[in-house]
Amino acid sequence: STFGSDQDDFAIMPLRTYHHRISGNRDVNLMFAAVRVSAQSDLLILTSDFSTGSTAYLPNGASTAQLHLLGIHSDAVGHYQNGMVYVINRLGQDNILVLDPADLATPVLQFSVGNGSNPRDIEIISEARAYVSRYESTQLLVVDPRDGTELGTIDLSAYADDDGLPEMDQIVRIGDHAYVSCQRLDRNAGFVPSDAFLVIIDINSDSVVGDIPLSAANPNSVIAVGERIIVSGSAGFGDRAGGIDIVDTRTAASLGLAITETQLGGDMNGLVLRTSNAGFAVILDDNFANSVVPVNLATGIIGTPLEGLSGGFVATVAIDGNRLLIGD
């Protein structure tokens, strides 16, 4: 849905040495929700007006962004890992741009991941191998991120729902395993969510070695924290069946919902963590109003919604040091 053509959609990517996942495909206005600190990162911002896309750059300590550095797809997300930026141009362009932060206006590489495949995420496994999840495919793509050469695929067709697709989405890695979230939304029935899974990939053999059923359907945010994976799932709109799931990768099992949508009073629309247990959840209520609330997974405590937000769609949240960045 479009929430107003006079506004822009964007996602925020702190450019640090660790990799940070970002997403967002709604129109929003930027707001910094925390005071500036000396340790803040440079920020790359992906923007869209639903017909074209662009990027902006906000250097460390600056209050004015450099605009329109590079044209991108109107539906794009980003990934920062090993010092490089990967812009994932989704359905309609189906390719990945590789950028060096030293020159964000000039792509190092652009490579296709298959026409109509709708790429969703990329995880760099080694200098010469990466996984790309594709929403319109049953095959997880294996590529060489240095030149885009296809190295093979990993079959996830066993996790397809009734429409024949597993709707693979986010990828995180812990040790020798990558974990791919499969939303399993039956598009023949109006994208009704089925049981969701994290599919376990052995990165040494590029093969499926197991799966973890999730406690909530329709996963959106997937965050690796030590040997745990924290997953926010929205289930179906308004059904309050979602929440924040904790997965123990040592036992390959969900520990259940640490916080439920009933407790949150709305649908889970995203999650970001600042420690292994504390973070902020984006909540959508029955009137489509958005709020951001502090959550603690260890205690189950939910804080008071943050003030100063419009109530409009929150397209992205990111944590950069002591700053919480919200695309409002």
Protein backbone atom coordinates (compact mmCIF):
# COMPACT_ATOMS: atom_id res chain seq x y z
CA SER A 1 0.00 0.00 0.00
CA THR A 2 1.08 3.56 -0.69
CA PHE A 3 0.64 5.94 2.25
CA GLY A 4 1.09 9.20 0.32
CA SER A 5 3.00 9.83 -2.91
CA ASP A 6 4.46 13.10 -1.57
CA GLN A 7 6.66 11.24 0.89
CA ASP A 8 9.61 8.93 0.44
CA ASP A 9 10.36 5.44 1.60
CA PHE A 10 13.79 4.61 2.87
CA ALA A 11 15.96 2.29 4.87
CA ILE A 12 18.98 3.25 6.97
CA MET A 13 22.31 1.42 6.90
CA PRO A 14 25.05 2.29 9.44
CA LEU A 15 28.41 1.75 7.74
CA ARG A 16 30.47 -0.04 10.37
CA THR A 17 32.86 -2.96 10.38
CA TYR A 18 30.12 -5.39 11.44
CA HIS A 19 27.36 -6.27 9.03
CA HIS A 20 23.92 -4.81 9.58
CA ARG A 21 20.70 -5.74 7.87
CA ILE A 22 18.19 -3.15 6.81
CA SER A 23 14.79 -3.24 5.16
CA GLY A 24 11.85 -1.05 4.36
CA ASN A 25 9.44 -0.55 1.50
CA ARG A 26 7.01 2.16 2.55
CA ASP A 27 7.02 5.94 2.31
CA VAL A 28 8.41 7.64 5.40
CA ASN A 29 10.19 10.73 6.71
CA LEU A 30 13.49 10.56 8.54
CA MET A 31 13.76 11.23 12.24
CA PHE A 32 16.68 10.74 14.59
CA ALA A 33 15.31 9.50 17.90
CA ALA A 34 18.51 9.72 19.92
CA VAL A 35 21.14 12.34 20.68
CA ARG A 36 24.26 12.37 18.58
CA VAL A 37 27.34 10.76 20.04
CA SER A 38 30.97 10.83 19.01
CA ALA A 39 30.95 7.14 18.07
CA GLN A 40 28.20 7.47 15.50
CA SER A 41 28.66 5.87 12.08
CA ASP A 42 28.27 7.17 8.58
CA LEU A 43 24.77 6.38 7.30
CA LEU A 44 23.69 5.18 3.88
CA ILE A 45 19.98 5.67 3.24
CA LEU A 46 18.00 3.90 0.52
CA THR A 47 15.02 5.89 -0.72
CA SER A 48 12.02 5.32 -2.98
CA ASP A 49 9.01 7.20 -4.34
CA PHE A 50 7.46 3.91 -5.57
CA SER A 51 8.49 4.50 -9.18
CA THR A 52 12.22 5.19 -8.81
CA GLY A 53 14.81 4.68 -6.11
CA SER A 54 17.89 6.53 -4.96
CA THR A 55 20.49 6.71 -2.20
CA ALA A 56 21.61 9.38 0.25
CA TYR A 57 24.66 9.60 2.47
CA LEU A 58 24.88 11.19 5.91
CA PRO A 59 28.52 11.36 7.07
CA ASN A 60 29.52 10.97 10.69
CA GLY A 61 28.64 14.16 12.56
CA ALA A 62 26.86 15.84 9.65
CA SER A 63 23.33 17.20 9.79
CA THR A 64 22.84 17.50 6.03
CA ALA A 65 22.80 14.48 3.75
CA GLN A 66 24.33 14.16 0.31
CA LEU A 67 21.40 13.32 -1.97
CA HIS A 68 20.86 11.23 -5.12
CA LEU A 69 24.23 9.52 -5.12
CA LEU A 70 23.02 6.56 -7.14
CA GLY A 71 19.83 5.46 -8.86
CA ILE A 72 18.51 2.12 -7.60
CA HIS A 73 15.31 0.09 -7.93
CA SER A 74 12.13 1.50 -6.38
CA ASP A 75 11.93 -1.69 -4.26
CA ALA A 76 15.36 -2.30 -2.75
CA VAL A 77 16.90 -3.37 0.56
CA GLY A 78 20.51 -3.35 1.68
CA HIS A 79 23.15 -5.38 3.48
CA TYR A 80 26.54 -4.27 4.83
CA GLN A 81 29.16 -6.95 5.44
CA ASN A 82 32.94 -7.24 5.30
CA GLY A 83 33.32 -3.57 4.42
CA MET A 84 31.08 -3.65 1.33
CA VAL A 85 27.50 -2.57 0.67
CA TYR A 86 25.08 -4.86 -1.18
CA VAL A 87 21.95 -3.22 -2.60
CA ILE A 88 19.36 -5.90 -3.35
CA ASN A 89 17.12 -4.72 -6.18
CA ARG A 90 14.04 -6.85 -5.73
CA LEU A 91 11.18 -7.95 -8.01
CA GLY A 92 11.30 -6.20 -11.37
CA GLN A 93 15.08 -5.75 -11.48
CA ASP A 94 16.26 -8.95 -9.75
CA ASN A 95 19.90 -8.03 -9.33
CA ILE A 96 22.44 -7.02 -6.70
CA LEU A 97 24.64 -3.93 -6.71
CA VAL A 98 27.96 -4.03 -4.86
CA LEU A 99 29.26 -0.69 -3.53
CA ASP A 100 32.48 0.37 -1.86
CA PRO A 101 31.83 2.93 0.92
CA ALA A 102 34.82 4.89 -0.41
CA ASP A 103 32.77 5.71 -3.54
CA LEU A 104 29.06 5.12 -3.03
CA ALA A 105 28.17 6.73 -6.36
CA THR A 106 30.01 4.19 -8.51
CA PRO A 107 29.02 0.50 -8.31
CA VAL A 108 31.88 -1.97 -8.12
CA LEU A 109 29.65 -4.68 -9.60
CA GLN A 110 26.08 -5.44 -10.60
CA PHE A 111 24.93 -9.00 -11.22
CA SER A 112 21.65 -10.73 -12.01
CA VAL A 113 20.15 -13.36 -9.72
CA GLY A 114 17.56 -14.57 -12.25
CA ASN A 115 14.74 -12.73 -13.99
CA GLY A 116 11.60 -12.62 -11.85
CA SER A 117 13.34 -14.29 -8.90
CA ASN A 118 12.73 -11.42 -6.42
CA PRO A 119 15.92 -11.52 -4.28
CA ARG A 120 15.40 -10.77 -0.59
CA ASP A 121 18.73 -11.09 1.20
CA ILE A 122 22.39 -11.93 0.77
CA GLU A 123 24.83 -13.47 3.24
CA ILE A 124 28.55 -13.51 2.48
CA ILE A 125 29.89 -16.94 3.45
CA SER A 126 33.48 -16.42 2.31
CA GLU A 127 35.39 -14.19 -0.06
CA ALA A 128 34.31 -16.38 -2.95
CA ARG A 129 30.83 -17.59 -1.86
CA ALA A 130 27.54 -16.01 -0.87
CA TYR A 131 23.93 -17.13 -0.47
CA VAL A 132 21.03 -15.19 -1.99
CA SER A 133 17.44 -15.89 -0.95
CA ARG A 134 14.86 -15.56 -3.74
CA TYR A 135 11.17 -15.12 -2.94
CA GLU A 136 9.85 -16.38 -6.28
CA SER A 137 12.02 -19.49 -6.37
CA THR A 138 12.47 -22.79 -4.58
CA GLN A 139 16.25 -22.55 -5.08
CA LEU A 140 18.60 -20.69 -2.74
CA LEU A 141 21.28 -19.22 -4.99
CA VAL A 142 25.01 -19.68 -4.39
CA VAL A 143 27.17 -17.01 -6.07
CA ASP A 144 30.69 -15.65 -6.14
CA PRO A 145 30.20 -12.12 -4.72
CA ARG A 146 33.39 -10.94 -6.42
CA ASP A 147 31.92 -11.21 -9.93
CA GLY A 148 28.37 -12.55 -9.59
CA THR A 149 29.12 -15.95 -11.09
CA GLU A 150 26.47 -18.55 -10.22
CA LEU A 151 28.10 -21.43 -8.35
CA GLY A 152 25.01 -23.54 -7.82
CA THR A 153 21.71 -23.69 -5.96
CA ILE A 154 20.32 -25.33 -2.82
CA ASP A 155 16.88 -26.89 -3.14
CA LEU A 156 14.31 -25.64 -0.60
CA SER A 157 11.27 -26.99 -2.45
CA ALA A 158 10.50 -29.35 0.46
CA TYR A 159 9.43 -26.26 2.43
CA ALA A 160 6.96 -24.94 -0.14
CA ASP A 161 3.36 -24.43 0.92
CA ASP A 162 0.32 -25.00 -1.31
CA ASP A 163 1.40 -22.37 -3.84
CA GLY A 164 4.61 -24.27 -4.57
CA LEU A 165 7.01 -21.72 -3.08
CA PRO A 166 8.63 -21.57 0.38
CA GLU A 167 8.84 -17.72 0.32
CA MET A 168 12.45 -17.73 1.53
CA ASP A 169 13.39 -14.39 3.07
CA GLN A 170 16.14 -13.57 5.61
CA ILE A 171 19.49 -15.30 6.06
CA VAL A 172 21.72 -15.31 9.15
CA ARG A 173 24.86 -17.32 9.85
CA ILE A 174 26.11 -18.88 13.08
CA GLY A 175 29.32 -20.89 12.82
CA ASP A 176 29.18 -23.47 10.04
CA HIS A 177 25.46 -23.09 9.47
CA ALA A 178 23.28 -20.57 7.69
CA TYR A 179 19.64 -20.20 8.67
CA VAL A 180 17.07 -19.19 6.04
CA SER A 181 13.63 -18.03 7.13
CA CYS A 182 10.77 -19.44 5.06
CA GLN A 183 7.56 -17.47 5.49
CA ARG A 184 5.37 -19.99 3.63
CA LEU A 185 2.57 -17.60 2.67
CA ASP A 186 -0.09 -19.23 0.51
CA ARG A 187 -0.60 -16.66 -2.23
CA ASN A 188 -3.42 -18.76 -3.74
CA ALA A 189 -5.40 -18.02 -0.57
CA GLY A 190 -4.47 -14.34 -0.29
CA PHE A 191 -1.02 -14.85 1.28
CA VAL A 192 -2.39 -16.66 4.31
CA PRO A 193 0.56 -17.68 6.53
CA SER A 194 1.34 -21.35 7.11
CA ASP A 195 3.74 -22.78 9.67
CA ALA A 196 7.11 -21.08 9.27
CA PHE A 197 10.62 -22.54 9.45
CA LEU A 198 14.26 -21.68 9.72
CA VAL A 199 15.95 -24.00 7.22
CA ILE A 200 19.46 -25.02 8.30
CA ILE A 201 22.18 -25.02 5.62
CA ASP A 202 25.61 -26.60 6.13
CA ILE A 203 27.92 -24.02 4.55
CA ASN A 204 30.67 -26.60 3.99
CA SER A 205 28.51 -28.83 1.80
CA ASP A 206 25.91 -26.29 0.60
CA SER A 207 23.18 -28.70 1.67
CA VAL A 208 20.06 -28.67 3.84
CA VAL A 209 20.74 -30.49 7.11
CA GLY A 210 17.57 -29.74 9.06
CA ASP A 211 14.97 -27.19 10.00
CA ILE A 212 13.53 -25.43 13.02
CA PRO A 213 9.76 -24.89 13.22
CA LEU A 214 9.04 -21.39 14.49
CA SER A 215 6.53 -20.54 17.21
CA ALA A 216 4.97 -17.72 15.16
CA ALA A 217 4.08 -17.62 11.48
CA ASN A 218 5.15 -14.99 8.94
CA PRO A 219 8.64 -14.11 10.24
CA ASN A 220 10.01 -10.67 9.35
CA SER A 221 13.07 -9.71 11.45
CA VAL A 222 15.67 -12.46 11.97
CA ILE A 223 18.61 -11.57 14.24
CA ALA A 224 21.57 -13.76 15.22
CA VAL A 225 22.70 -13.22 18.83
CA GLY A 226 25.47 -15.56 19.93
CA GLU A 227 24.07 -19.07 19.55
CA ARG A 228 20.48 -17.84 19.56
CA ILE A 229 18.34 -16.47 16.76
CA ILE A 230 15.65 -13.94 17.64
CA VAL A 231 12.74 -13.92 15.20
CA SER A 232 9.77 -11.55 15.13
CA GLY A 233 6.68 -13.01 13.49
CA SER A 234 3.48 -11.17 12.64
CA ALA A 235 1.29 -14.21 11.84
CA GLY A 236 -2.00 -12.94 10.31
CA PHE A 237 -3.16 -9.33 10.54
CA GLY A 238 -5.04 -8.72 13.77
CA ASP A 239 -5.01 -12.34 14.95
CA ARG A 240 -2.49 -11.68 17.79
CA ALA A 241 -0.86 -15.04 17.09
CA GLY A 242 2.62 -13.61 16.49
CA GLY A 243 5.35 -12.38 18.76
CA ILE A 244 9.08 -12.57 19.45
CA ASP A 245 10.45 -16.09 19.15
CA ILE A 246 13.76 -17.28 20.64
CA VAL A 247 15.55 -20.11 18.82
CA ASP A 248 18.39 -22.11 20.40
CA THR A 249 20.66 -23.27 17.57
CA ARG A 250 22.45 -25.74 19.86
CA THR A 251 19.29 -27.81 20.20
CA ALA A 252 17.78 -26.68 16.87
CA ALA A 253 14.53 -25.80 18.60
CA SER A 254 12.35 -22.83 19.36
CA LEU A 255 12.15 -21.92 23.04
CA GLY A 256 8.76 -20.34 22.42
CA LEU A 257 7.52 -16.77 22.33
CA ALA A 258 9.32 -14.55 24.82
CA ILE A 259 6.75 -11.81 24.19
CA THR A 260 3.41 -12.27 22.43
CA GLU A 261 1.44 -9.94 20.20
CA THR A 262 -1.35 -10.05 22.77
CA GLN A 263 1.05 -8.54 25.30
CA LEU A 264 2.25 -6.01 22.74
CA GLY A 265 -1.29 -5.03 21.75
CA GLY A 266 -0.67 -5.21 18.01
CA ASP A 267 1.07 -6.94 15.14
CA MET A 268 4.85 -7.33 15.13
CA ASN A 269 6.16 -5.21 12.28
CA GLY A 270 9.87 -5.42 13.02
CA LEU A 271 12.49 -5.74 15.73
CA VAL A 272 15.96 -4.39 16.49
CA LEU A 273 18.20 -5.36 19.42
CA ARG A 274 20.77 -3.26 21.30
CA THR A 275 21.87 -6.12 23.61
CA SER A 276 21.25 -9.86 23.57
CA ASN A 277 17.87 -9.32 25.25
CA ALA A 278 16.90 -5.64 25.07
CA GLY A 279 15.66 -3.82 22.02
CA PHE A 280 12.76 -2.12 20.32
CA ALA A 281 9.70 -3.59 18.61
CA VAL A 282 7.64 -1.93 15.89
CA ILE A 283 3.94 -2.50 16.53
CA LEU A 284 1.02 -2.05 14.13
CA ASP A 285 -2.41 -1.62 15.72
CA ASP A 286 -5.85 -2.37 14.29
CA ASN A 287 -6.08 1.17 12.87
CA PHE A 288 -2.75 0.78 11.02
CA ALA A 289 -1.01 3.18 13.43
CA ASN A 290 2.62 2.34 14.20
CA SER A 291 4.49 2.67 17.46
CA VAL A 292 7.94 1.71 18.73
CA VAL A 293 8.20 0.15 22.19
CA PRO A 294 11.17 -0.99 24.30
CA VAL A 295 11.15 -4.74 24.97
CA ASN A 296 13.19 -7.03 27.19
CA LEU A 297 13.19 -10.69 26.17
CA ALA A 298 14.66 -11.93 29.44
CA THR A 299 12.08 -10.30 31.70
CA GLY A 300 9.17 -9.99 29.30
CA ILE A 301 8.84 -6.33 30.22
CA ILE A 302 7.39 -4.00 27.57
CA GLY A 303 8.11 -0.31 27.96
CA THR A 304 6.08 2.78 27.15
CA PRO A 305 5.83 3.64 23.44
CA LEU A 306 8.42 6.20 22.34
CA GLU A 307 7.15 9.75 22.02
CA GLY A 308 7.57 12.05 19.06
CA LEU A 309 6.60 9.63 16.29
CA SER A 310 3.82 10.41 13.83
CA GLY A 311 1.96 7.09 14.10
CA GLY A 312 2.55 6.60 10.38
CA PHE A 313 4.31 3.59 8.90
CA VAL A 314 7.73 2.83 10.40
CA ALA A 315 9.68 1.46 7.45
CA THR A 316 12.92 0.71 9.25
CA VAL A 317 14.69 0.82 12.60
CA ALA A 318 18.42 0.54 13.19
CA ILE A 319 20.73 0.87 16.16
CA ASP A 320 24.03 2.71 15.73
CA GLY A 321 26.01 2.82 18.95
CA ASN A 322 23.88 4.81 21.40
CA ARG A 323 21.47 5.99 18.69
CA LEU A 324 18.17 4.47 17.69
CA LEU A 325 17.34 5.46 14.10
CA ILE A 326 13.70 5.29 13.03
CA GLY A 327 12.34 5.73 9.51
CA ASP A 328 9.01 7.36 10.38
